[in-house]
Amino acid sequence: MALRLGRDLDEAEVPQVAALLSDAETLILTRLPDLYARIEHGLLATEVVVLVEATAVIRVLRNPEGIRSQTADAYSVSYDTRAASGKLDLAPQEWRLLGVRTGLSVLRPFLPPAAWW
């Protein structure tokens, strides 16, 4: 994680990072319960999963409060939930990397032709 983060982890961050990585994998498994089978059968690269999990964790580490901008005089702060909410979540493009397609879908019922009597 230190290489991806661009700095060494503090001692206090090490258990937090481990917990966040585990949480990121749990989030992925809720939408992709066959994650390990996809990896085993070559449908998804382990490196992609690692990239997605690490990126989600780094967002939390870099901006745990979800602050977008801040000023000093007459203190002002602005939060940007799209960039870094301070919560662990996966961005839509990360879900796409994992093979999850999002968007609107329409389900149409299939009705057999009317009985001919």
C-alpha atoms as a PDB file:
ATOM      1  CA  MET A   1       0.000   0.000   0.000  1.00  0.00           C
ATOM      2  CA  ALA A   2       2.856   2.390   0.755  1.00  0.00           C
ATOM      3  CA  LEU A   3       3.969   2.330  -2.901  1.00  0.00           C
ATOM      4  CA  ARG A   4       0.484   3.083  -4.153  1.00  0.00           C
ATOM      5  CA  LEU A   5      -0.121   5.701  -1.464  1.00  0.00           C
ATOM      6  CA  GLY A   6       3.197   7.410  -2.110  1.00  0.00           C
ATOM      7  CA  ARG A   7       4.299   7.430   1.522  1.00  0.00           C
ATOM      8  CA  ASP A   8       5.027   5.088   4.379  1.00  0.00           C
ATOM      9  CA  LEU A   9       2.099   4.019   6.513  1.00  0.00           C
ATOM     10  CA  ASP A  10       1.976   5.183  10.117  1.00  0.00           C
ATOM     11  CA  GLU A  11       1.918   2.414  12.704  1.00  0.00           C
ATOM     12  CA  ALA A  12      -1.689   3.251  13.503  1.00  0.00           C
ATOM     13  CA  GLU A  13      -2.661   3.018   9.823  1.00  0.00           C
ATOM     14  CA  VAL A  14      -1.438  -0.548   9.309  1.00  0.00           C
ATOM     15  CA  PRO A  15      -4.386  -2.265  11.060  1.00  0.00           C
ATOM     16  CA  GLN A  16      -6.777   0.273   9.534  1.00  0.00           C
ATOM     17  CA  VAL A  17      -5.497  -0.509   6.026  1.00  0.00           C
ATOM     18  CA  ALA A  18      -5.844  -4.245   6.653  1.00  0.00           C
ATOM     19  CA  ALA A  19      -9.434  -3.759   7.829  1.00  0.00           C
ATOM     20  CA  LEU A  20     -10.281  -1.466   4.902  1.00  0.00           C
ATOM     21  CA  LEU A  21      -8.827  -3.923   2.378  1.00  0.00           C
ATOM     22  CA  SER A  22     -10.934  -6.687   3.917  1.00  0.00           C
ATOM     23  CA  ASP A  23     -13.991  -4.416   3.789  1.00  0.00           C
ATOM     24  CA  ALA A  24     -13.309  -3.575   0.137  1.00  0.00           C
ATOM     25  CA  GLU A  25     -13.208  -7.263  -0.717  1.00  0.00           C
ATOM     26  CA  THR A  26     -16.461  -7.798   1.179  1.00  0.00           C
ATOM     27  CA  LEU A  27     -18.088  -5.003  -0.848  1.00  0.00           C
ATOM     28  CA  ILE A  28     -16.945  -6.668  -4.049  1.00  0.00           C
ATOM     29  CA  LEU A  29     -18.186 -10.075  -2.915  1.00  0.00           C
ATOM     30  CA  THR A  30     -21.662  -8.669  -2.244  1.00  0.00           C
ATOM     31  CA  ARG A  31     -22.009  -7.870  -5.968  1.00  0.00           C
ATOM     32  CA  LEU A  32     -19.755 -10.610  -7.298  1.00  0.00           C
ATOM     33  CA  PRO A  33     -20.290 -13.662  -5.098  1.00  0.00           C
ATOM     34  CA  ASP A  34     -18.437 -15.717  -7.726  1.00  0.00           C
ATOM     35  CA  LEU A  35     -15.353 -13.471  -7.541  1.00  0.00           C
ATOM     36  CA  TYR A  36     -12.931 -16.260  -6.655  1.00  0.00           C
ATOM     37  CA  ALA A  37     -14.321 -18.509  -9.405  1.00  0.00           C
ATOM     38  CA  ARG A  38     -13.895 -15.688 -11.944  1.00  0.00           C
ATOM     39  CA  ILE A  39     -10.278 -15.298 -10.896  1.00  0.00           C
ATOM     40  CA  GLU A  40      -9.665 -19.061 -10.915  1.00  0.00           C
ATOM     41  CA  HIS A  41     -11.113 -19.447 -14.421  1.00  0.00           C
ATOM     42  CA  GLY A  42      -9.150 -16.496 -15.808  1.00  0.00           C
ATOM     43  CA  LEU A  43     -12.205 -14.288 -16.303  1.00  0.00           C
ATOM     44  CA  LEU A  44     -10.838 -11.639 -13.954  1.00  0.00           C
ATOM     45  CA  ALA A  45      -7.215 -10.867 -13.157  1.00  0.00           C
ATOM     46  CA  THR A  46      -6.151 -10.819  -9.527  1.00  0.00           C
ATOM     47  CA  GLU A  47      -4.216  -7.631 -10.304  1.00  0.00           C
ATOM     48  CA  VAL A  48      -7.444  -5.856 -11.253  1.00  0.00           C
ATOM     49  CA  VAL A  49      -9.043  -6.802  -7.940  1.00  0.00           C
ATOM     50  CA  VAL A  50      -5.945  -5.621  -6.056  1.00  0.00           C
ATOM     51  CA  LEU A  51      -5.964  -2.343  -8.013  1.00  0.00           C
ATOM     52  CA  VAL A  52      -9.631  -1.690  -7.284  1.00  0.00           C
ATOM     53  CA  GLU A  53      -9.355  -2.548  -3.585  1.00  0.00           C
ATOM     54  CA  ALA A  54      -6.189  -0.463  -3.128  1.00  0.00           C
ATOM     55  CA  THR A  55      -7.645   2.533  -4.950  1.00  0.00           C
ATOM     56  CA  ALA A  56     -10.759   2.514  -2.766  1.00  0.00           C
ATOM     57  CA  VAL A  57      -8.661   2.307   0.405  1.00  0.00           C
ATOM     58  CA  ILE A  58      -6.310   5.078  -0.740  1.00  0.00           C
ATOM     59  CA  ARG A  59      -9.278   7.439  -1.207  1.00  0.00           C
ATOM     60  CA  VAL A  60     -10.175   6.944   2.446  1.00  0.00           C
ATOM     61  CA  LEU A  61      -6.574   7.356   3.638  1.00  0.00           C
ATOM     62  CA  ARG A  62      -5.948  10.512   1.630  1.00  0.00           C
ATOM     63  CA  ASN A  63      -9.150  12.233   2.608  1.00  0.00           C
ATOM     64  CA  PRO A  64     -10.872  10.545   5.566  1.00  0.00           C
ATOM     65  CA  GLU A  65     -13.138  13.536   6.157  1.00  0.00           C
ATOM     66  CA  GLY A  66     -14.224  13.859   2.510  1.00  0.00           C
ATOM     67  CA  ILE A  67     -13.097  17.501   2.336  1.00  0.00           C
ATOM     68  CA  ARG A  68     -13.045  19.079  -1.123  1.00  0.00           C
ATOM     69  CA  SER A  69     -11.838  22.566  -0.216  1.00  0.00           C
ATOM     70  CA  GLN A  70     -10.932  24.500   2.884  1.00  0.00           C
ATOM     71  CA  THR A  71     -10.067  28.140   3.680  1.00  0.00           C
ATOM     72  CA  ALA A  72      -8.417  29.603   6.770  1.00  0.00           C
ATOM     73  CA  ASP A  73      -9.846  33.067   7.383  1.00  0.00           C
ATOM     74  CA  ALA A  74     -13.529  32.954   8.280  1.00  0.00           C
ATOM     75  CA  TYR A  75     -13.144  29.179   8.172  1.00  0.00           C
ATOM     76  CA  SER A  76     -14.974  27.428   5.374  1.00  0.00           C
ATOM     77  CA  VAL A  77     -15.010  23.798   4.334  1.00  0.00           C
ATOM     78  CA  SER A  78     -16.641  22.013   1.426  1.00  0.00           C
ATOM     79  CA  TYR A  79     -17.241  18.276   1.098  1.00  0.00           C
ATOM     80  CA  ASP A  80     -17.222  16.411  -2.176  1.00  0.00           C
ATOM     81  CA  THR A  81     -18.909  13.043  -1.786  1.00  0.00           C
ATOM     82  CA  ARG A  82     -18.166  12.075  -5.387  1.00  0.00           C
ATOM     83  CA  ALA A  83     -14.380  12.379  -5.094  1.00  0.00           C
ATOM     84  CA  ALA A  84     -13.764  11.235  -1.542  1.00  0.00           C
ATOM     85  CA  SER A  85     -16.633  10.727   0.814  1.00  0.00           C
ATOM     86  CA  GLY A  86     -14.434   9.540   3.652  1.00  0.00           C
ATOM     87  CA  LYS A  87     -16.300   6.240   3.415  1.00  0.00           C
ATOM     88  CA  LEU A  88     -15.081   3.137   1.710  1.00  0.00           C
ATOM     89  CA  ASP A  89     -16.878   2.707  -1.592  1.00  0.00           C
ATOM     90  CA  LEU A  90     -16.129   1.707  -5.144  1.00  0.00           C
ATOM     91  CA  ALA A  91     -16.530   4.143  -8.009  1.00  0.00           C
ATOM     92  CA  PRO A  92     -18.586   3.168 -11.066  1.00  0.00           C
ATOM     93  CA  GLN A  93     -15.454   2.859 -13.221  1.00  0.00           C
ATOM     94  CA  GLU A  94     -13.976   0.458 -10.646  1.00  0.00           C
ATOM     95  CA  TRP A  95     -17.090  -1.721 -10.813  1.00  0.00           C
ATOM     96  CA  ARG A  96     -16.697  -1.728 -14.611  1.00  0.00           C
ATOM     97  CA  LEU A  97     -13.079  -2.911 -14.236  1.00  0.00           C
ATOM     98  CA  LEU A  98     -14.454  -5.827 -12.223  1.00  0.00           C
ATOM     99  CA  GLY A  99     -16.925  -6.640 -14.994  1.00  0.00           C
ATOM    100  CA  VAL A 100     -20.014  -5.241 -13.279  1.00  0.00           C
ATOM    101  CA  ARG A 101     -22.188  -3.330 -15.671  1.00  0.00           C
ATOM    102  CA  THR A 102     -24.351  -0.637 -14.165  1.00  0.00           C
ATOM    103  CA  GLY A 103     -27.133   1.352 -15.641  1.00  0.00           C
ATOM    104  CA  LEU A 104     -30.780   1.148 -16.417  1.00  0.00           C
ATOM    105  CA  SER A 105     -32.148  -2.107 -17.626  1.00  0.00           C
ATOM    106  CA  VAL A 106     -35.651  -2.997 -18.609  1.00  0.00           C
ATOM    107  CA  LEU A 107     -37.210  -6.358 -17.919  1.00  0.00           C
ATOM    108  CA  ARG A 108     -40.065  -7.372 -20.158  1.00  0.00           C
ATOM    109  CA  PRO A 109     -42.359 -10.151 -19.166  1.00  0.00           C
ATOM    110  CA  PHE A 110     -42.586 -13.029 -21.583  1.00  0.00           C
ATOM    111  CA  LEU A 111     -46.162 -14.035 -22.215  1.00  0.00           C
ATOM    112  CA  PRO A 112     -46.873 -17.064 -24.341  1.00  0.00           C
ATOM    113  CA  PRO A 113     -49.267 -16.558 -27.271  1.00  0.00           C
ATOM    114  CA  ALA A 114     -52.918 -16.691 -26.340  1.00  0.00           C
ATOM    115  CA  ALA A 115     -54.381 -20.132 -26.352  1.00  0.00           C
ATOM    116  CA  TRP A 116     -56.330 -20.819 -29.497  1.00  0.00           C
ATOM    117  CA  TRP A 117     -59.641 -22.317 -28.661  1.00  0.00           C
END
